[in-house]
């Protein structure tokens, strides 16, 4: 089990909760400020949501920010398989690094190893569902999450 030390309690207490109506504005603002690395874990992708985020991701690529998307292989999907393939093509065309994790269900984003977004919202596919995401600014909690999800070496 991974635990966090008392020094991280204040970061968690100063975190902020978002829902599906408030998430994207502040998430994109965080992306816009990224300087080195962005990791997004989203089990599902749709062309609608990827297309919305793509202009921001393209700007980051031009700033030489490393972007990694961890998602499910489109072949794991059912009704969204074709749309997921289209979304994947959009990302790959722009040079975004995409990795696949079987049975992925985590919804996480880590920006510059200092801003952690975690919750229930599928960042690359959210549409009509009611969701929640927590934003925490903490290098220690980002490090803890990276250790827990074990994908840092795939950046």
Protein backbone atom coordinates (compact mmCIF):
# COMPACT_ATOMS: atom_id res chain seq x y z
CA UNK A 1 0.00 0.00 0.00
CA UNK A 2 1.20 3.50 -0.82
CA UNK A 3 0.71 6.14 1.84
CA UNK A 4 1.56 9.80 1.96
CA UNK A 5 3.37 11.58 4.73
CA UNK A 6 2.03 14.42 6.85
CA UNK A 7 3.78 17.00 4.65
CA UNK A 8 1.32 16.08 1.88
CA UNK A 9 -1.77 16.58 4.02
CA UNK A 10 -1.81 20.32 3.36
CA UNK A 11 -1.64 19.75 -0.41
CA UNK A 12 -4.63 17.44 -0.25
CA UNK A 13 -6.53 19.80 2.03
CA UNK A 14 -5.82 22.65 -0.41
CA UNK A 15 -6.91 20.62 -3.43
CA UNK A 16 -9.96 21.60 -5.44
CA UNK A 17 -12.86 19.50 -6.70
CA UNK A 18 -14.36 19.91 -10.17
CA UNK A 19 -17.33 18.38 -11.92
CA UNK A 20 -17.91 17.74 -15.60
CA UNK A 21 -19.06 21.34 -16.15
CA UNK A 22 -16.05 23.02 -14.51
CA UNK A 23 -13.20 20.61 -15.23
CA UNK A 24 -12.08 21.40 -18.77
CA UNK A 25 -11.55 25.15 -18.41
CA UNK A 26 -9.05 24.80 -15.56
CA UNK A 27 -7.53 21.60 -16.95
CA UNK A 28 -6.77 23.32 -20.27
CA UNK A 29 -5.34 26.30 -18.35
CA UNK A 30 -2.97 23.89 -16.57
CA UNK A 31 -2.06 22.27 -19.89
CA UNK A 32 -1.32 25.68 -21.40
CA UNK A 33 1.25 26.29 -18.63
CA UNK A 34 2.98 22.91 -19.05
CA UNK A 35 6.73 23.18 -19.54
CA UNK A 36 8.06 19.62 -19.70
CA UNK A 37 5.70 16.63 -19.36
CA UNK A 38 2.03 15.76 -19.58
CA UNK A 39 0.62 12.32 -18.82
CA UNK A 40 -3.07 11.67 -19.41
CA UNK A 41 -4.67 8.37 -18.48
CA UNK A 42 -8.09 8.03 -20.04
CA UNK A 43 -9.51 4.59 -20.75
CA UNK A 44 -11.62 5.77 -23.66
CA UNK A 45 -11.26 8.36 -26.43
CA UNK A 46 -13.72 10.01 -28.78
CA UNK A 47 -12.99 12.23 -31.75
CA UNK A 48 -15.27 14.89 -30.23
CA UNK A 49 -13.24 15.23 -27.03
CA UNK A 50 -9.81 14.66 -28.60
CA UNK A 51 -10.61 17.30 -31.23
CA UNK A 52 -11.50 19.74 -28.47
CA UNK A 53 -8.15 19.19 -26.72
CA UNK A 54 -6.01 18.81 -29.84
CA UNK A 55 -5.23 22.52 -30.41
CA UNK A 56 -3.81 22.70 -26.88
CA UNK A 57 -1.82 19.49 -27.35
CA UNK A 58 -0.41 20.80 -30.64
CA UNK A 59 0.76 24.00 -28.90
CA UNK A 60 2.46 21.88 -26.26
CA UNK A 61 4.22 19.77 -28.90
CA UNK A 62 5.52 22.99 -30.49
CA UNK A 63 6.93 23.98 -27.06
CA UNK A 64 8.66 20.56 -26.92
CA UNK A 65 6.48 19.34 -24.06
CA UNK A 66 6.47 15.54 -23.83
CA UNK A 67 2.90 14.27 -24.02
CA UNK A 68 1.96 10.70 -23.18
CA UNK A 69 -1.54 9.34 -23.44
CA UNK A 70 -2.22 6.04 -21.68
CA UNK A 71 -5.45 4.45 -22.87
CA UNK A 72 -7.02 1.14 -23.77
CA UNK A 73 -6.33 -0.41 -27.12
CA UNK A 74 -9.27 0.55 -29.39
CA UNK A 75 -9.81 -3.15 -30.03
CA UNK A 76 -10.85 -3.56 -26.37
CA UNK A 77 -13.84 -1.34 -27.01
CA UNK A 78 -17.17 -2.20 -28.45
CA UNK A 79 -19.53 0.45 -29.78
CA UNK A 80 -16.87 3.21 -29.68
CA UNK A 81 -14.15 1.23 -31.45
CA UNK A 82 -14.32 3.08 -34.80
CA UNK A 83 -14.49 6.49 -33.14
CA UNK A 84 -11.60 5.57 -30.85
CA UNK A 85 -9.49 4.59 -33.87
CA UNK A 86 -10.22 8.00 -35.43
CA UNK A 87 -9.28 9.79 -32.19
CA UNK A 88 -6.09 7.75 -31.97
CA UNK A 89 -5.18 8.70 -35.55
CA UNK A 90 -5.61 12.39 -34.73
CA UNK A 91 -3.22 12.09 -31.78
CA UNK A 92 -0.63 10.03 -33.64
CA UNK A 93 -0.73 12.40 -36.62
CA UNK A 94 0.35 15.21 -34.27
CA UNK A 95 3.16 13.15 -32.76
CA UNK A 96 1.52 12.46 -29.42
CA UNK A 97 2.99 9.39 -27.72
CA UNK A 98 0.23 6.87 -27.02
CA UNK A 99 0.59 3.73 -24.94
CA UNK A 100 -2.00 1.05 -24.27
CA UNK A 101 -2.79 -0.57 -20.95
CA UNK A 102 -5.13 -3.52 -20.97
CA UNK A 103 -8.31 -3.07 -18.89
CA UNK A 104 -7.28 0.48 -17.93
CA UNK A 105 -9.92 2.27 -15.89
CA UNK A 106 -7.88 5.03 -14.20
CA UNK A 107 -8.64 8.67 -14.94
CA UNK A 108 -5.51 10.64 -14.13
CA UNK A 109 -3.48 13.52 -15.50
CA UNK A 110 -0.08 14.68 -14.27
CA UNK A 111 1.39 17.93 -15.52
CA UNK A 112 5.07 18.76 -15.01
CA UNK A 113 5.24 16.33 -12.09
CA UNK A 114 3.55 18.96 -9.95
CA UNK A 115 -0.17 19.07 -10.80
CA UNK A 116 -2.26 15.96 -10.26
CA UNK A 117 -5.77 15.54 -11.61
CA UNK A 118 -7.60 12.39 -10.51
CA UNK A 119 -11.18 11.25 -10.34
CA UNK A 120 -13.88 9.60 -12.40
CA UNK A 121 -13.92 11.74 -15.55
CA UNK A 122 -12.62 10.17 -18.77
CA UNK A 123 -10.58 13.16 -19.96
CA UNK A 124 -10.50 12.10 -23.62
CA UNK A 125 -14.10 10.95 -23.96
CA UNK A 126 -16.37 12.57 -21.35
CA UNK A 127 -19.74 13.51 -22.79
CA UNK A 128 -22.94 13.40 -20.75
CA UNK A 129 -22.03 11.56 -17.57
CA UNK A 130 -21.84 13.13 -14.11
CA UNK A 131 -18.22 13.07 -12.97
CA UNK A 132 -15.76 14.50 -10.48
CA UNK A 133 -12.06 15.35 -10.63
CA UNK A 134 -9.70 16.60 -7.94
CA UNK A 135 -6.77 18.92 -8.72
CA UNK A 136 -3.88 18.80 -6.29
CA UNK A 137 -0.68 20.77 -6.66
CA UNK A 138 1.98 18.58 -5.07
CA UNK A 139 5.20 17.12 -6.41
CA UNK A 140 5.10 14.47 -3.67
CA UNK A 141 1.59 13.35 -4.60
CA UNK A 142 2.48 13.30 -8.31
CA UNK A 143 5.50 11.16 -7.51
CA UNK A 144 3.33 8.86 -5.43
CA UNK A 145 0.81 8.54 -8.27
CA UNK A 146 3.52 7.86 -10.86
CA UNK A 147 4.87 5.11 -8.64
CA UNK A 148 1.39 3.63 -8.20
CA UNK A 149 0.51 3.65 -11.91
CA UNK A 150 4.02 2.62 -12.96
CA UNK A 151 4.11 4.24 -16.43
CA UNK A 152 6.82 6.90 -15.92
CA UNK A 153 9.42 4.73 -17.66
CA UNK A 154 7.21 4.67 -20.76
CA UNK A 155 7.39 8.46 -21.29
